[in-house]
Amino acid sequence: MGNAVGLLEVLGFSVAMTAMDQACKTADVEIQAMDCNNPSSGNHAKIPVVVQVKFTGNVSDVKIALETARHTAKQYIEEQDIVTSFIPNQAPGLEKLLGIGKVTRP
C-alpha cells in the first residue's frame, strides 16, 4: 500500500511556501517537489506564477495538511485561486513522477 498524495496549487510562490509551512507543522507530511507555471492570464495576472506542491504521508495526515494549506492560502488569495487534490493510495510507480518539478528537494 502506497502513501497518500496531496496536491496544492495556488497563485504565488510565497503563498505556497506559507501554506505548506503551516501544513507541515500541523501534519506529518513530506514535500516531494514543487512546480511553477504561468497563470492562464499571463502578464495580466495579479500574481504571475502558479505553484503546485506535491506531498505525501498517511491518509489522515495528508487530509489535515490539505485542509490547513487551503485555510492558510485563503488568508492571502481568493479561494477560486486554490486547488487541492487528494489521492488516498498512490499507484505503484507514481512516486517516480512525484519528484519531478522545477523546484525539487536537495
C-alpha atoms as a PDB file:
ATOM      1  CA  MET A   1       0.000   0.000   0.000  1.00  0.00           C
ATOM      2  CA  GLY A   2       1.481   3.362  -1.061  1.00  0.00           C
ATOM      3  CA  ASN A   3       1.380   6.662   0.714  1.00  0.00           C
ATOM      4  CA  ALA A   4      -1.442   9.120   0.204  1.00  0.00           C
ATOM      5  CA  VAL A   5      -0.651  12.072  -2.062  1.00  0.00           C
ATOM      6  CA  GLY A   6      -1.698  15.676  -1.631  1.00  0.00           C
ATOM      7  CA  LEU A   7      -1.510  18.331  -4.329  1.00  0.00           C
ATOM      8  CA  LEU A   8      -1.845  22.037  -3.632  1.00  0.00           C
ATOM      9  CA  GLU A   9      -1.996  24.599  -6.445  1.00  0.00           C
ATOM     10  CA  VAL A  10      -2.001  28.311  -5.620  1.00  0.00           C
ATOM     11  CA  LEU A  11      -1.090  31.649  -7.107  1.00  0.00           C
ATOM     12  CA  GLY A  12       2.270  32.816  -5.785  1.00  0.00           C
ATOM     13  CA  PHE A  13       5.414  31.136  -4.527  1.00  0.00           C
ATOM     14  CA  SER A  14       5.211  32.849  -1.140  1.00  0.00           C
ATOM     15  CA  VAL A  15       1.604  31.715  -0.708  1.00  0.00           C
ATOM     16  CA  ALA A  16       2.626  28.120  -1.484  1.00  0.00           C
ATOM     17  CA  MET A  17       5.551  28.262   0.935  1.00  0.00           C
ATOM     18  CA  THR A  18       3.458  29.789   3.738  1.00  0.00           C
ATOM     19  CA  ALA A  19       0.601  27.326   3.221  1.00  0.00           C
ATOM     20  CA  MET A  20       2.919  24.318   3.188  1.00  0.00           C
ATOM     21  CA  ASP A  21       4.886  25.572   6.187  1.00  0.00           C
ATOM     22  CA  GLN A  22       1.665  25.517   8.206  1.00  0.00           C
ATOM     23  CA  ALA A  23       0.617  22.183   6.680  1.00  0.00           C
ATOM     24  CA  CYS A  24       3.935  20.551   7.609  1.00  0.00           C
ATOM     25  CA  LYS A  25       3.689  21.935  11.148  1.00  0.00           C
ATOM     26  CA  THR A  26       0.168  20.528  11.514  1.00  0.00           C
ATOM     27  CA  ALA A  27       0.587  17.094   9.914  1.00  0.00           C
ATOM     28  CA  ASP A  28       3.317  14.562   9.284  1.00  0.00           C
ATOM     29  CA  VAL A  29       3.765  15.014   5.524  1.00  0.00           C
ATOM     30  CA  GLU A  30       6.810  15.161   3.286  1.00  0.00           C
ATOM     31  CA  ILE A  31       7.077  17.589   0.386  1.00  0.00           C
ATOM     32  CA  GLN A  32       8.246  15.735  -2.721  1.00  0.00           C
ATOM     33  CA  ALA A  33       8.575  18.597  -5.233  1.00  0.00           C
ATOM     34  CA  MET A  34       7.183  21.933  -6.366  1.00  0.00           C
ATOM     35  CA  ASP A  35       6.343  23.008  -9.876  1.00  0.00           C
ATOM     36  CA  CYS A  36       5.790  26.515 -11.246  1.00  0.00           C
ATOM     37  CA  ASN A  37       3.868  27.682 -14.307  1.00  0.00           C
ATOM     38  CA  ASN A  38       2.462  30.940 -15.638  1.00  0.00           C
ATOM     39  CA  PRO A  39      -1.249  31.530 -14.997  1.00  0.00           C
ATOM     40  CA  SER A  40      -3.598  31.483 -17.990  1.00  0.00           C
ATOM     41  CA  SER A  41      -3.876  35.297 -17.904  1.00  0.00           C
ATOM     42  CA  GLY A  42      -0.102  35.565 -18.384  1.00  0.00           C
ATOM     43  CA  ASN A  43       1.392  39.013 -17.810  1.00  0.00           C
ATOM     44  CA  HIS A  44      -2.032  40.404 -16.897  1.00  0.00           C
ATOM     45  CA  ALA A  45      -2.242  38.282 -13.755  1.00  0.00           C
ATOM     46  CA  LYS A  46      -2.018  39.927 -10.325  1.00  0.00           C
ATOM     47  CA  ILE A  47       0.354  37.158  -9.286  1.00  0.00           C
ATOM     48  CA  PRO A  48       2.397  35.892 -12.246  1.00  0.00           C
ATOM     49  CA  VAL A  49       3.070  32.321 -11.107  1.00  0.00           C
ATOM     50  CA  VAL A  50       1.019  29.223 -10.317  1.00  0.00           C
ATOM     51  CA  VAL A  51       2.775  26.876  -7.893  1.00  0.00           C
ATOM     52  CA  GLN A  52       1.913  23.213  -7.370  1.00  0.00           C
ATOM     53  CA  VAL A  53       3.256  21.424  -4.304  1.00  0.00           C
ATOM     54  CA  LYS A  54       3.300  17.612  -4.248  1.00  0.00           C
ATOM     55  CA  PHE A  55       3.500  15.926  -0.845  1.00  0.00           C
ATOM     56  CA  THR A  56       2.951  12.521   0.742  1.00  0.00           C
ATOM     57  CA  GLY A  57       2.031  10.972   4.065  1.00  0.00           C
ATOM     58  CA  ASN A  58      -0.612   8.717   5.546  1.00  0.00           C
ATOM     59  CA  VAL A  59      -4.249   9.350   4.623  1.00  0.00           C
ATOM     60  CA  SER A  60      -5.239  11.317   7.719  1.00  0.00           C
ATOM     61  CA  ASP A  61      -2.092  13.467   7.709  1.00  0.00           C
ATOM     62  CA  VAL A  62      -2.465  14.354   4.029  1.00  0.00           C
ATOM     63  CA  LYS A  63      -6.128  15.298   4.572  1.00  0.00           C
ATOM     64  CA  ILE A  64      -5.184  17.507   7.533  1.00  0.00           C
ATOM     65  CA  ALA A  65      -2.319  19.076   5.554  1.00  0.00           C
ATOM     66  CA  LEU A  66      -4.628  19.876   2.626  1.00  0.00           C
ATOM     67  CA  GLU A  67      -7.198  21.492   4.939  1.00  0.00           C
ATOM     68  CA  THR A  68      -4.511  23.518   6.688  1.00  0.00           C
ATOM     69  CA  ALA A  69      -2.864  24.574   3.430  1.00  0.00           C
ATOM     70  CA  ARG A  70      -6.207  25.693   1.944  1.00  0.00           C
ATOM     71  CA  HIS A  71      -7.125  27.643   5.088  1.00  0.00           C
ATOM     72  CA  THR A  72      -3.722  29.359   5.167  1.00  0.00           C
ATOM     73  CA  ALA A  73      -3.723  30.197   1.447  1.00  0.00           C
ATOM     74  CA  LYS A  74      -7.215  31.766   1.752  1.00  0.00           C
ATOM     75  CA  GLN A  75      -5.671  34.398   4.001  1.00  0.00           C
ATOM     76  CA  TYR A  76      -3.656  35.689   1.008  1.00  0.00           C
ATOM     77  CA  ILE A  77      -5.534  34.815  -2.181  1.00  0.00           C
ATOM     78  CA  GLU A  78      -9.110  34.189  -3.273  1.00  0.00           C
ATOM     79  CA  GLU A  79     -10.492  30.691  -2.774  1.00  0.00           C
ATOM     80  CA  GLN A  80     -11.069  30.301  -6.522  1.00  0.00           C
ATOM     81  CA  ASP A  81      -7.283  30.504  -6.964  1.00  0.00           C
ATOM     82  CA  ILE A  82      -6.666  27.489  -4.705  1.00  0.00           C
ATOM     83  CA  VAL A  83      -6.890  23.909  -5.988  1.00  0.00           C
ATOM     84  CA  THR A  84      -6.338  20.857  -3.813  1.00  0.00           C
ATOM     85  CA  SER A  85      -6.319  17.224  -4.893  1.00  0.00           C
ATOM     86  CA  PHE A  86      -6.134  14.074  -2.806  1.00  0.00           C
ATOM     87  CA  ILE A  87      -5.019  10.564  -3.810  1.00  0.00           C
ATOM     88  CA  PRO A  88      -5.639   8.200  -0.878  1.00  0.00           C
ATOM     89  CA  ASN A  89      -3.458   5.364  -2.166  1.00  0.00           C
ATOM     90  CA  GLN A  90      -0.960   6.075  -4.914  1.00  0.00           C
ATOM     91  CA  ALA A  91      -0.482   3.542  -7.674  1.00  0.00           C
ATOM     92  CA  PRO A  92       2.836   1.689  -7.927  1.00  0.00           C
ATOM     93  CA  GLY A  93       5.347   3.780  -9.852  1.00  0.00           C
ATOM     94  CA  LEU A  94       3.641   7.103  -9.156  1.00  0.00           C
ATOM     95  CA  GLU A  95       6.395   8.033  -6.700  1.00  0.00           C
ATOM     96  CA  LYS A  96       8.766   8.432  -9.660  1.00  0.00           C
ATOM     97  CA  LEU A  97       6.563  11.225 -11.018  1.00  0.00           C
ATOM     98  CA  LEU A  98       6.090  12.979  -7.678  1.00  0.00           C
ATOM     99  CA  GLY A  99       9.709  14.097  -7.516  1.00  0.00           C
ATOM    100  CA  ILE A 100       9.583  15.751 -10.928  1.00  0.00           C
ATOM    101  CA  GLY A 101       9.263  19.517 -10.789  1.00  0.00           C
ATOM    102  CA  LYS A 102      11.088  22.770 -11.380  1.00  0.00           C
ATOM    103  CA  VAL A 103      11.801  23.049  -7.652  1.00  0.00           C
ATOM    104  CA  THR A 104      12.920  19.798  -6.012  1.00  0.00           C
ATOM    105  CA  ARG A 105      14.313  18.669  -2.698  1.00  0.00           C
ATOM    106  CA  PRO A 106      18.108  18.616  -2.484  1.00  0.00           C
END
